[in-house]
Amino acid sequence: MNNPAGADTPTLEIRPSKLKVFGKSIRKNWDLYVLIAPVVAYFLIFEYYPMYGVQIAFKNFIAAKGIWGSDWVGFMHFQRFFDSYYFWRLIKNTLGISFYSLAVGFPVPLLLALMINEVGSKRFKQFVQTVTYAPHFLSTVVLVGMILMFLNPKTGMVNHLIQFFGGTPIDFMIKSEWFKSIYVLSGVWQNMGWSSIIYLAALAGIDPTLHEAARVDGATRLQRIWHVNLPGIMPTVVILLILNVGQLMGVGFEKIYLMQNDLNKTSSDVISTYVYTSGIVGAQYSFSAAIGLFNSVINFILLITVNYIARKINDTSLW
């Protein structure tokens, strides 16, 4: 049918398929894809492929039979863990150490970055940064060795100070009530400088004219920190808070295991150490996989929840 005179003739837009577009992108930017290929391969091989073995959490895994040959037992290992005498102690210790670390360890790097940012002397600023960054590069074994040396009831520096002020020596490492504080505060000392780097980078991106305008309006330094610096880095703070909350149940194994002994175990026994001692050492692979999967699911739920709350409140989130 002919169109009326003067009417626009409709044109059929032909869009290339997504596969063709992707192939064209690879040919055009092949060097960038080669650069990122090792990273992609790493995650596929070492992060995603091992997920295949998660199914042993629902099986009575026997190495001689293999994963496919082992019998399905459903949620038996999960039920065993939930009914365990140690379940609530493990949850209490894991969450207690995690929230303690979050409450103390999260704001300290932020405060350190704000203070370093206000230092006028470039040389002094570099000195402070070097001193606070250095502990991050200590291995966990060396750090725990230093803790044991400093807190030794006979030769430790801390107990010498306690005796100097008229107190009696304390054997900190066998006192369960001291374990969480020692673990958290030593971690803050080790990581606060390194963690402040991201905040310093965010502070460097704040427009200097905002500070100039605040000075003209008569704002003090503290007011400029509160009304200019903090709002300027708040998106970064929220993102890092979400990431930290997403790791609440993932209390590090190595440091706790090295600091742990039979006398402080009521405060130091967490999910990761229980998985090692009861699952790996005892060759209960299905049981340990079930506990690890439970831990990961709780972390995932926490991450999703906090990300949703942050997006609703502050319009800042991971996705």
C-alpha atoms as a PDB file:
ATOM      1  CA  MET A   1       0.000   0.000   0.000  1.00  0.00           C
ATOM      2  CA  ASN A   2       1.410   3.378  -1.020  1.00  0.00           C
ATOM      3  CA  ASN A   3       1.967   6.039   1.606  1.00  0.00           C
ATOM      4  CA  PRO A   4       0.200   9.398   1.166  1.00  0.00           C
ATOM      5  CA  ALA A   5       2.306  12.139  -0.333  1.00  0.00           C
ATOM      6  CA  GLY A   6       4.504  13.842   2.213  1.00  0.00           C
ATOM      7  CA  ALA A   7       4.137  11.091   4.822  1.00  0.00           C
ATOM      8  CA  ASP A   8       7.303   9.848   6.501  1.00  0.00           C
ATOM      9  CA  THR A   9       8.364   6.442   5.366  1.00  0.00           C
ATOM     10  CA  PRO A  10       9.014   4.189   8.381  1.00  0.00           C
ATOM     11  CA  THR A  11      12.453   2.621   8.453  1.00  0.00           C
ATOM     12  CA  LEU A  12      13.257  -0.752   9.912  1.00  0.00           C
ATOM     13  CA  GLU A  13      16.138  -0.485  12.409  1.00  0.00           C
ATOM     14  CA  ILE A  14      18.340  -3.538  12.360  1.00  0.00           C
ATOM     15  CA  ARG A  15      20.228  -4.005  15.621  1.00  0.00           C
ATOM     16  CA  PRO A  16      23.252  -6.295  15.744  1.00  0.00           C
ATOM     17  CA  SER A  17      23.031  -9.222  18.122  1.00  0.00           C
ATOM     18  CA  LYS A  18      24.703  -8.961  21.523  1.00  0.00           C
ATOM     19  CA  LEU A  19      27.092 -11.764  20.566  1.00  0.00           C
ATOM     20  CA  LYS A  20      28.290  -9.823  17.509  1.00  0.00           C
ATOM     21  CA  VAL A  21      28.708  -6.665  19.576  1.00  0.00           C
ATOM     22  CA  PHE A  22      30.712  -8.593  22.167  1.00  0.00           C
ATOM     23  CA  GLY A  23      32.896 -10.168  19.468  1.00  0.00           C
ATOM     24  CA  LYS A  24      33.542  -6.771  17.941  1.00  0.00           C
ATOM     25  CA  SER A  25      34.462  -5.395  21.363  1.00  0.00           C
ATOM     26  CA  ILE A  26      36.962  -8.238  21.879  1.00  0.00           C
ATOM     27  CA  ARG A  27      38.597  -7.607  18.504  1.00  0.00           C
ATOM     28  CA  LYS A  28      38.800  -3.893  19.173  1.00  0.00           C
ATOM     29  CA  ASN A  29      40.056  -4.105  22.778  1.00  0.00           C
ATOM     30  CA  TRP A  30      41.814  -7.475  22.728  1.00  0.00           C
ATOM     31  CA  ASP A  31      44.772  -6.158  24.756  1.00  0.00           C
ATOM     32  CA  LEU A  32      42.484  -5.161  27.652  1.00  0.00           C
ATOM     33  CA  TYR A  33      40.802  -8.570  27.630  1.00  0.00           C
ATOM     34  CA  VAL A  34      44.201 -10.272  27.716  1.00  0.00           C
ATOM     35  CA  LEU A  35      45.130  -8.086  30.687  1.00  0.00           C
ATOM     36  CA  ILE A  36      42.037  -9.051  32.662  1.00  0.00           C
ATOM     37  CA  ALA A  37      42.065 -12.731  31.638  1.00  0.00           C
ATOM     38  CA  PRO A  38      44.322 -13.948  34.534  1.00  0.00           C
ATOM     39  CA  VAL A  39      42.004 -12.311  37.083  1.00  0.00           C
ATOM     40  CA  VAL A  40      38.921 -13.895  35.527  1.00  0.00           C
ATOM     41  CA  ALA A  41      40.695 -17.263  35.384  1.00  0.00           C
ATOM     42  CA  TYR A  42      41.704 -16.961  39.039  1.00  0.00           C
ATOM     43  CA  PHE A  43      38.132 -16.398  40.219  1.00  0.00           C
ATOM     44  CA  LEU A  44      36.723 -19.132  37.990  1.00  0.00           C
ATOM     45  CA  ILE A  45      39.283 -21.720  39.098  1.00  0.00           C
ATOM     46  CA  PHE A  46      39.802 -20.891  42.771  1.00  0.00           C
ATOM     47  CA  GLU A  47      36.516 -19.213  43.786  1.00  0.00           C
ATOM     48  CA  TYR A  48      33.664 -20.571  41.664  1.00  0.00           C
ATOM     49  CA  TYR A  49      34.797 -24.054  40.677  1.00  0.00           C
ATOM     50  CA  PRO A  50      35.325 -25.173  44.334  1.00  0.00           C
ATOM     51  CA  MET A  51      31.621 -24.397  44.966  1.00  0.00           C
ATOM     52  CA  TYR A  52      30.985 -27.752  43.320  1.00  0.00           C
ATOM     53  CA  GLY A  53      32.215 -29.372  46.540  1.00  0.00           C
ATOM     54  CA  VAL A  54      29.629 -27.607  48.723  1.00  0.00           C
ATOM     55  CA  GLN A  55      27.271 -30.512  48.130  1.00  0.00           C
ATOM     56  CA  ILE A  56      29.241 -32.662  50.577  1.00  0.00           C
ATOM     57  CA  ALA A  57      27.539 -30.626  53.324  1.00  0.00           C
ATOM     58  CA  PHE A  58      24.395 -32.591  52.430  1.00  0.00           C
ATOM     59  CA  LYS A  59      26.149 -35.953  52.086  1.00  0.00           C
ATOM     60  CA  ASN A  60      27.922 -38.442  54.286  1.00  0.00           C
ATOM     61  CA  PHE A  61      31.155 -37.872  52.412  1.00  0.00           C
ATOM     62  CA  ILE A  62      33.589 -40.763  52.235  1.00  0.00           C
ATOM     63  CA  ALA A  63      36.794 -40.081  50.343  1.00  0.00           C
ATOM     64  CA  ALA A  64      36.983 -43.610  48.898  1.00  0.00           C
ATOM     65  CA  LYS A  65      33.533 -43.230  47.332  1.00  0.00           C
ATOM     66  CA  GLY A  66      34.042 -39.679  46.109  1.00  0.00           C
ATOM     67  CA  ILE A  67      31.495 -36.872  46.085  1.00  0.00           C
ATOM     68  CA  TRP A  68      29.045 -38.529  43.697  1.00  0.00           C
ATOM     69  CA  GLY A  69      29.314 -41.936  45.350  1.00  0.00           C
ATOM     70  CA  SER A  70      28.636 -40.697  48.893  1.00  0.00           C
ATOM     71  CA  ASP A  71      25.122 -41.020  50.304  1.00  0.00           C
ATOM     72  CA  TRP A  72      22.780 -38.049  50.657  1.00  0.00           C
ATOM     73  CA  VAL A  73      21.827 -37.267  54.259  1.00  0.00           C
ATOM     74  CA  GLY A  74      20.024 -33.949  53.758  1.00  0.00           C
ATOM     75  CA  PHE A  75      20.309 -31.507  56.650  1.00  0.00           C
ATOM     76  CA  MET A  76      21.636 -34.054  59.145  1.00  0.00           C
ATOM     77  CA  HIS A  77      24.985 -32.278  59.631  1.00  0.00           C
ATOM     78  CA  PHE A  78      23.285 -28.909  60.062  1.00  0.00           C
ATOM     79  CA  GLN A  79      20.926 -30.373  62.650  1.00  0.00           C
ATOM     80  CA  ARG A  80      23.875 -31.927  64.449  1.00  0.00           C
ATOM     81  CA  PHE A  81      25.607 -28.556  64.606  1.00  0.00           C
ATOM     82  CA  PHE A  82      22.462 -26.756  65.821  1.00  0.00           C
ATOM     83  CA  ASP A  83      21.947 -29.372  68.552  1.00  0.00           C
ATOM     84  CA  SER A  84      25.601 -29.253  69.588  1.00  0.00           C
ATOM     85  CA  TYR A  85      26.528 -28.222  73.129  1.00  0.00           C
ATOM     86  CA  TYR A  86      28.933 -25.637  71.679  1.00  0.00           C
ATOM     87  CA  PHE A  87      26.517 -24.027  69.198  1.00  0.00           C
ATOM     88  CA  TRP A  88      25.418 -21.019  71.241  1.00  0.00           C
ATOM     89  CA  ARG A  89      28.900 -20.469  72.649  1.00  0.00           C
ATOM     90  CA  LEU A  90      30.320 -20.375  69.140  1.00  0.00           C
ATOM     91  CA  ILE A  91      27.632 -17.965  67.923  1.00  0.00           C
ATOM     92  CA  LYS A  92      28.063 -15.723  70.975  1.00  0.00           C
ATOM     93  CA  ASN A  93      31.853 -15.606  70.663  1.00  0.00           C
ATOM     94  CA  THR A  94      31.819 -15.102  66.887  1.00  0.00           C
ATOM     95  CA  LEU A  95      29.275 -12.290  67.004  1.00  0.00           C
ATOM     96  CA  GLY A  96      30.823 -10.802  70.155  1.00  0.00           C
ATOM     97  CA  ILE A  97      34.296 -10.512  68.615  1.00  0.00           C
ATOM     98  CA  SER A  98      32.856  -9.330  65.290  1.00  0.00           C
ATOM     99  CA  PHE A  99      30.693  -6.552  66.728  1.00  0.00           C
ATOM    100  CA  TYR A 100      33.496  -5.523  69.077  1.00  0.00           C
ATOM    101  CA  SER A 101      35.870  -5.302  66.114  1.00  0.00           C
ATOM    102  CA  LEU A 102      33.317  -3.343  64.106  1.00  0.00           C
ATOM    103  CA  ALA A 103      32.507  -0.922  66.935  1.00  0.00           C
ATOM    104  CA  VAL A 104      36.171  -0.159  67.673  1.00  0.00           C
ATOM    105  CA  GLY A 105      38.018  -1.015  64.487  1.00  0.00           C
ATOM    106  CA  PHE A 106      35.737   0.736  62.006  1.00  0.00           C
ATOM    107  CA  PRO A 107      35.745   4.337  63.325  1.00  0.00           C
ATOM    108  CA  VAL A 108      39.440   4.431  64.319  1.00  0.00           C
ATOM    109  CA  PRO A 109      40.833   4.485  60.731  1.00  0.00           C
ATOM    110  CA  LEU A 110      38.290   7.183  59.875  1.00  0.00           C
ATOM    111  CA  LEU A 111      39.372   9.341  62.811  1.00  0.00           C
ATOM    112  CA  LEU A 112      43.035   8.730  61.967  1.00  0.00           C
ATOM    113  CA  ALA A 113      42.482   9.798  58.349  1.00  0.00           C
ATOM    114  CA  LEU A 114      40.662  12.964  59.443  1.00  0.00           C
ATOM    115  CA  MET A 115      43.502  13.861  61.811  1.00  0.00           C
ATOM    116  CA  ILE A 116      46.252  13.126  59.263  1.00  0.00           C
ATOM    117  CA  ASN A 117      44.395  15.211  56.705  1.00  0.00           C
ATOM    118  CA  GLU A 118      44.510  18.225  59.038  1.00  0.00           C
ATOM    119  CA  VAL A 119      48.278  18.027  59.623  1.00  0.00           C
ATOM    120  CA  GLY A 120      50.020  20.967  57.974  1.00  0.00           C
ATOM    121  CA  SER A 121      53.586  19.681  57.962  1.00  0.00           C
ATOM    122  CA  LYS A 122      54.145  17.365  55.002  1.00  0.00           C
ATOM    123  CA  ARG A 123      57.170  15.704  56.636  1.00  0.00           C
ATOM    124  CA  PHE A 124      55.318  15.007  59.879  1.00  0.00           C
ATOM    125  CA  LYS A 125      52.328  13.689  57.924  1.00  0.00           C
ATOM    126  CA  GLN A 126      54.569  11.252  56.039  1.00  0.00           C
ATOM    127  CA  PHE A 127      56.175  10.147  59.305  1.00  0.00           C
ATOM    128  CA  VAL A 128      52.787   9.439  60.920  1.00  0.00           C
ATOM    129  CA  GLN A 129      51.586   7.553  57.850  1.00  0.00           C
ATOM    130  CA  THR A 130      54.720   5.398  57.761  1.00  0.00           C
ATOM    131  CA  VAL A 131      54.506   4.565  61.466  1.00  0.00           C
ATOM    132  CA  THR A 132      50.813   3.640  61.285  1.00  0.00           C
ATOM    133  CA  TYR A 133      51.121   1.683  58.014  1.00  0.00           C
ATOM    134  CA  ALA A 134      54.104  -0.428  59.115  1.00  0.00           C
ATOM    135  CA  PRO A 135      52.265  -2.877  61.466  1.00  0.00           C
ATOM    136  CA  HIS A 136      50.020  -3.980  58.606  1.00  0.00           C
ATOM    137  CA  PHE A 137      52.963  -5.764  56.992  1.00  0.00           C
ATOM    138  CA  LEU A 138      53.656  -7.922  60.056  1.00  0.00           C
ATOM    139  CA  SER A 139      52.633 -11.531  59.615  1.00  0.00           C
ATOM    140  CA  THR A 140      50.002 -12.901  61.966  1.00  0.00           C
ATOM    141  CA  VAL A 141      52.528 -15.252  63.569  1.00  0.00           C
ATOM    142  CA  VAL A 142      54.910 -12.369  64.323  1.00  0.00           C
ATOM    143  CA  LEU A 143      52.050 -10.246  65.689  1.00  0.00           C
ATOM    144  CA  VAL A 144      50.857 -12.984  68.046  1.00  0.00           C
ATOM    145  CA  GLY A 145      54.474 -13.562  69.148  1.00  0.00           C
ATOM    146  CA  MET A 146      54.742  -9.859  70.024  1.00  0.00           C
ATOM    147  CA  ILE A 147      51.451 -10.031  71.956  1.00  0.00           C
ATOM    148  CA  LEU A 148      52.647 -13.024  73.974  1.00  0.00           C
ATOM    149  CA  MET A 149      55.964 -11.301  74.663  1.00  0.00           C
ATOM    150  CA  PHE A 150      54.453  -7.971  75.756  1.00  0.00           C
ATOM    151  CA  LEU A 151      51.790  -9.636  77.936  1.00  0.00           C
ATOM    152  CA  ASN A 152      54.064 -12.192  79.587  1.00  0.00           C
ATOM    153  CA  PRO A 153      53.279 -12.142  83.352  1.00  0.00           C
ATOM    154  CA  LYS A 154      56.988 -12.205  84.316  1.00  0.00           C
ATOM    155  CA  THR A 155      58.943 -10.444  81.581  1.00  0.00           C
ATOM    156  CA  GLY A 156      56.256  -8.576  79.637  1.00  0.00           C
ATOM    157  CA  MET A 157      56.409  -4.798  79.297  1.00  0.00           C
ATOM    158  CA  VAL A 158      52.715  -4.376  80.157  1.00  0.00           C
ATOM    159  CA  ASN A 159      53.053  -6.192  83.472  1.00  0.00           C
ATOM    160  CA  HIS A 160      56.195  -4.217  84.310  1.00  0.00           C
ATOM    161  CA  LEU A 161      54.140  -1.035  83.913  1.00  0.00           C
ATOM    162  CA  ILE A 162      51.376  -2.502  86.081  1.00  0.00           C
ATOM    163  CA  GLN A 163      53.913  -3.329  88.816  1.00  0.00           C
ATOM    164  CA  PHE A 164      55.501   0.123  88.484  1.00  0.00           C
ATOM    165  CA  PHE A 165      52.148   1.706  89.379  1.00  0.00           C
ATOM    166  CA  GLY A 166      51.650  -0.646  92.318  1.00  0.00           C
ATOM    167  CA  GLY A 167      49.500  -3.342  90.702  1.00  0.00           C
ATOM    168  CA  THR A 168      49.908  -7.095  90.565  1.00  0.00           C
ATOM    169  CA  PRO A 169      50.917  -8.921  87.359  1.00  0.00           C
ATOM    170  CA  ILE A 170      48.116 -10.349  85.225  1.00  0.00           C
ATOM    171  CA  ASP A 171      48.452 -13.432  83.056  1.00  0.00           C
ATOM    172  CA  PHE A 172      46.305 -11.976  80.275  1.00  0.00           C
ATOM    173  CA  MET A 173      46.432 -14.940  77.916  1.00  0.00           C
ATOM    174  CA  ILE A 174      44.800 -17.376  80.346  1.00  0.00           C
ATOM    175  CA  LYS A 175      42.055 -14.948  81.370  1.00  0.00           C
ATOM    176  CA  SER A 176      39.054 -15.524  79.124  1.00  0.00           C
ATOM    177  CA  GLU A 177      37.624 -12.087  79.951  1.00  0.00           C
ATOM    178  CA  TRP A 178      40.677 -10.395  78.394  1.00  0.00           C
ATOM    179  CA  PHE A 179      40.768 -12.360  75.145  1.00  0.00           C
ATOM    180  CA  LYS A 180      38.316 -10.285  73.082  1.00  0.00           C
ATOM    181  CA  SER A 181      39.952  -6.982  74.049  1.00  0.00           C
ATOM    182  CA  ILE A 182      43.442  -8.262  73.255  1.00  0.00           C
ATOM    183  CA  TYR A 183      42.297  -9.636  69.895  1.00  0.00           C
ATOM    184  CA  VAL A 184      40.395  -6.505  68.839  1.00  0.00           C
ATOM    185  CA  LEU A 185      42.834  -3.838  70.074  1.00  0.00           C
ATOM    186  CA  SER A 186      45.853  -5.582  68.572  1.00  0.00           C
ATOM    187  CA  GLY A 187      43.960  -5.812  65.289  1.00  0.00           C
ATOM    188  CA  VAL A 188      43.123  -2.105  65.407  1.00  0.00           C
ATOM    189  CA  TRP A 189      46.785  -1.247  66.027  1.00  0.00           C
ATOM    190  CA  GLN A 190      47.877  -3.436  63.121  1.00  0.00           C
ATOM    191  CA  ASN A 191      45.332  -2.318  60.525  1.00  0.00           C
ATOM    192  CA  MET A 192      44.233   1.237  61.336  1.00  0.00           C
ATOM    193  CA  GLY A 193      46.941   2.904  59.227  1.00  0.00           C
ATOM    194  CA  TRP A 194      46.369   0.723  56.207  1.00  0.00           C
ATOM    195  CA  SER A 195      42.578   1.066  56.429  1.00  0.00           C
ATOM    196  CA  SER A 196      42.855   4.856  56.568  1.00  0.00           C
ATOM    197  CA  ILE A 197      44.353   5.000  53.052  1.00  0.00           C
ATOM    198  CA  ILE A 198      40.934   4.796  51.394  1.00  0.00           C
ATOM    199  CA  TYR A 199      39.580   7.613  53.571  1.00  0.00           C
ATOM    200  CA  LEU A 200      42.629   9.779  52.817  1.00  0.00           C
ATOM    201  CA  ALA A 201      42.077   9.224  49.109  1.00  0.00           C
ATOM    202  CA  ALA A 202      38.425  10.233  49.471  1.00  0.00           C
ATOM    203  CA  LEU A 203      39.403  13.337  51.480  1.00  0.00           C
ATOM    204  CA  ALA A 204      41.848  14.339  48.737  1.00  0.00           C
ATOM    205  CA  GLY A 205      38.924  14.451  46.301  1.00  0.00           C
ATOM    206  CA  ILE A 206      36.952  17.056  48.264  1.00  0.00           C
ATOM    207  CA  ASP A 207      36.744  20.413  46.480  1.00  0.00           C
ATOM    208  CA  PRO A 208      39.076  22.910  48.276  1.00  0.00           C
ATOM    209  CA  THR A 209      36.663  25.753  47.462  1.00  0.00           C
ATOM    210  CA  LEU A 210      34.220  24.268  49.967  1.00  0.00           C
ATOM    211  CA  HIS A 211      36.761  24.805  52.743  1.00  0.00           C
ATOM    212  CA  GLU A 212      37.496  28.311  51.492  1.00  0.00           C
ATOM    213  CA  ALA A 213      33.811  29.172  51.552  1.00  0.00           C
ATOM    214  CA  ALA A 214      33.501  27.724  55.055  1.00  0.00           C
ATOM    215  CA  ARG A 215      36.439  29.823  56.242  1.00  0.00           C
ATOM    216  CA  VAL A 216      34.838  32.953  54.805  1.00  0.00           C
ATOM    217  CA  ASP A 217      31.667  32.109  56.730  1.00  0.00           C
ATOM    218  CA  GLY A 218      33.722  31.862  59.928  1.00  0.00           C
ATOM    219  CA  ALA A 219      33.662  28.087  60.367  1.00  0.00           C
ATOM    220  CA  THR A 220      36.222  26.634  62.755  1.00  0.00           C
ATOM    221  CA  ARG A 221      38.410  23.661  61.808  1.00  0.00           C
ATOM    222  CA  LEU A 222      36.191  21.273  63.741  1.00  0.00           C
ATOM    223  CA  GLN A 223      33.092  22.656  61.997  1.00  0.00           C
ATOM    224  CA  ARG A 224      34.748  22.235  58.597  1.00  0.00           C
ATOM    225  CA  ILE A 225      35.579  18.624  59.426  1.00  0.00           C
ATOM    226  CA  TRP A 226      31.997  17.978  60.502  1.00  0.00           C
ATOM    227  CA  HIS A 227      30.175  19.850  57.728  1.00  0.00           C
ATOM    228  CA  VAL A 228      32.589  19.499  54.783  1.00  0.00           C
ATOM    229  CA  ASN A 229      34.914  16.530  55.198  1.00  0.00           C
ATOM    230  CA  LEU A 230      32.510  14.008  56.706  1.00  0.00           C
ATOM    231  CA  PRO A 231      29.664  14.596  54.207  1.00  0.00           C
ATOM    232  CA  GLY A 232      32.223  14.493  51.388  1.00  0.00           C
ATOM    233  CA  ILE A 233      33.472  11.013  52.286  1.00  0.00           C
ATOM    234  CA  MET A 234      30.185   9.613  53.583  1.00  0.00           C
ATOM    235  CA  PRO A 235      29.524   7.456  50.471  1.00  0.00           C
ATOM    236  CA  THR A 236      32.930   5.820  50.986  1.00  0.00           C
ATOM    237  CA  VAL A 237      32.179   5.300  54.690  1.00  0.00           C
ATOM    238  CA  VAL A 238      28.834   3.640  53.900  1.00  0.00           C
ATOM    239  CA  ILE A 239      30.353   1.292  51.296  1.00  0.00           C
ATOM    240  CA  LEU A 240      33.116   0.194  53.681  1.00  0.00           C
ATOM    241  CA  LEU A 241      30.579  -0.260  56.492  1.00  0.00           C
ATOM    242  CA  ILE A 242      28.490  -2.541  54.261  1.00  0.00           C
ATOM    243  CA  LEU A 243      31.578  -4.603  53.387  1.00  0.00           C
ATOM    244  CA  ASN A 244      32.566  -4.873  57.057  1.00  0.00           C
ATOM    245  CA  VAL A 245      29.094  -5.969  58.147  1.00  0.00           C
ATOM    246  CA  GLY A 246      29.125  -8.560  55.359  1.00  0.00           C
ATOM    247  CA  GLN A 247      32.122 -10.169  57.064  1.00  0.00           C
ATOM    248  CA  LEU A 248      30.741 -10.202  60.604  1.00  0.00           C
ATOM    249  CA  MET A 249      30.628 -13.985  60.835  1.00  0.00           C
ATOM    250  CA  GLY A 250      33.990 -14.388  59.135  1.00  0.00           C
ATOM    251  CA  VAL A 251      36.248 -13.888  62.146  1.00  0.00           C
ATOM    252  CA  GLY A 252      39.809 -14.696  61.110  1.00  0.00           C
ATOM    253  CA  PHE A 253      40.989 -18.202  61.948  1.00  0.00           C
ATOM    254  CA  GLU A 254      44.778 -17.903  62.096  1.00  0.00           C
ATOM    255  CA  LYS A 255      45.161 -15.205  64.735  1.00  0.00           C
ATOM    256  CA  ILE A 256      42.506 -16.628  67.052  1.00  0.00           C
ATOM    257  CA  TYR A 257      43.915 -20.135  66.746  1.00  0.00           C
ATOM    258  CA  LEU A 258      47.422 -18.931  67.616  1.00  0.00           C
ATOM    259  CA  MET A 259      46.145 -16.991  70.653  1.00  0.00           C
ATOM    260  CA  GLN A 260      43.856 -19.787  71.805  1.00  0.00           C
ATOM    261  CA  ASN A 261      44.566 -22.143  74.700  1.00  0.00           C
ATOM    262  CA  ASP A 262      42.519 -24.432  76.913  1.00  0.00           C
ATOM    263  CA  LEU A 263      42.083 -21.766  79.606  1.00  0.00           C
ATOM    264  CA  ASN A 264      40.664 -19.018  77.382  1.00  0.00           C
ATOM    265  CA  LYS A 265      38.663 -21.260  75.068  1.00  0.00           C
ATOM    266  CA  THR A 266      35.319 -20.214  76.516  1.00  0.00           C
ATOM    267  CA  SER A 267      35.891 -16.774  74.947  1.00  0.00           C
ATOM    268  CA  SER A 268      38.122 -17.674  72.008  1.00  0.00           C
ATOM    269  CA  ASP A 269      36.321 -20.632  70.450  1.00  0.00           C
ATOM    270  CA  VAL A 270      34.617 -19.337  67.282  1.00  0.00           C
ATOM    271  CA  ILE A 271      33.046 -21.005  64.255  1.00  0.00           C
ATOM    272  CA  SER A 272      36.247 -21.013  62.181  1.00  0.00           C
ATOM    273  CA  THR A 273      38.332 -22.700  64.916  1.00  0.00           C
ATOM    274  CA  TYR A 274      35.550 -25.186  65.624  1.00  0.00           C
ATOM    275  CA  VAL A 275      35.421 -26.104  61.933  1.00  0.00           C
ATOM    276  CA  TYR A 276      39.161 -26.785  61.990  1.00  0.00           C
ATOM    277  CA  THR A 277      39.362 -28.749  65.225  1.00  0.00           C
ATOM    278  CA  SER A 278      36.136 -30.734  64.862  1.00  0.00           C
ATOM    279  CA  GLY A 279      35.888 -31.001  61.109  1.00  0.00           C
ATOM    280  CA  ILE A 280      39.316 -30.926  59.508  1.00  0.00           C
ATOM    281  CA  VAL A 281      41.454 -32.473  62.261  1.00  0.00           C
ATOM    282  CA  GLY A 282      38.760 -35.050  62.981  1.00  0.00           C
ATOM    283  CA  ALA A 283      38.305 -35.775  59.237  1.00  0.00           C
ATOM    284  CA  GLN A 284      34.586 -34.917  59.481  1.00  0.00           C
ATOM    285  CA  TYR A 285      34.579 -33.193  56.123  1.00  0.00           C
ATOM    286  CA  SER A 286      30.826 -33.113  55.591  1.00  0.00           C
ATOM    287  CA  PHE A 287      30.257 -31.703  59.065  1.00  0.00           C
ATOM    288  CA  SER A 288      32.844 -28.959  58.589  1.00  0.00           C
ATOM    289  CA  ALA A 289      31.418 -28.124  55.141  1.00  0.00           C
ATOM    290  CA  ALA A 290      27.939 -27.780  56.648  1.00  0.00           C
ATOM    291  CA  ILE A 291      29.186 -25.378  59.318  1.00  0.00           C
ATOM    292  CA  GLY A 292      31.126 -23.352  56.753  1.00  0.00           C
ATOM    293  CA  LEU A 293      28.086 -23.155  54.478  1.00  0.00           C
ATOM    294  CA  PHE A 294      25.896 -22.020  57.373  1.00  0.00           C
ATOM    295  CA  ASN A 295      28.465 -19.314  58.168  1.00  0.00           C
ATOM    296  CA  SER A 296      28.568 -18.118  54.553  1.00  0.00           C
ATOM    297  CA  VAL A 297      24.767 -17.983  54.260  1.00  0.00           C
ATOM    298  CA  ILE A 298      24.504 -15.822  57.387  1.00  0.00           C
ATOM    299  CA  ASN A 299      27.182 -13.478  56.013  1.00  0.00           C
ATOM    300  CA  PHE A 300      25.321 -13.264  52.702  1.00  0.00           C
ATOM    301  CA  ILE A 301      22.030 -12.422  54.433  1.00  0.00           C
ATOM    302  CA  LEU A 302      23.733  -9.727  56.522  1.00  0.00           C
ATOM    303  CA  LEU A 303      25.326  -8.215  53.415  1.00  0.00           C
ATOM    304  CA  ILE A 304      22.026  -8.104  51.510  1.00  0.00           C
ATOM    305  CA  THR A 305      20.167  -6.639  54.495  1.00  0.00           C
ATOM    306  CA  VAL A 306      22.674  -3.886  55.265  1.00  0.00           C
ATOM    307  CA  ASN A 307      23.011  -3.004  51.592  1.00  0.00           C
ATOM    308  CA  TYR A 308      19.204  -2.659  51.336  1.00  0.00           C
ATOM    309  CA  ILE A 309      19.016  -0.480  54.463  1.00  0.00           C
ATOM    310  CA  ALA A 310      21.878   1.738  53.254  1.00  0.00           C
ATOM    311  CA  ARG A 311      20.219   2.196  49.854  1.00  0.00           C
ATOM    312  CA  LYS A 312      16.936   3.218  51.474  1.00  0.00           C
ATOM    313  CA  ILE A 313      18.471   5.590  54.020  1.00  0.00           C
ATOM    314  CA  ASN A 314      21.455   7.105  52.252  1.00  0.00           C
ATOM    315  CA  ASP A 315      21.014   6.268  48.539  1.00  0.00           C
ATOM    316  CA  THR A 316      24.479   4.668  48.673  1.00  0.00           C
ATOM    317  CA  SER A 317      24.970   0.943  48.237  1.00  0.00           C
ATOM    318  CA  LEU A 318      27.044  -1.731  46.539  1.00  0.00           C
ATOM    319  CA  TRP A 319      24.328  -2.411  43.999  1.00  0.00           C
END
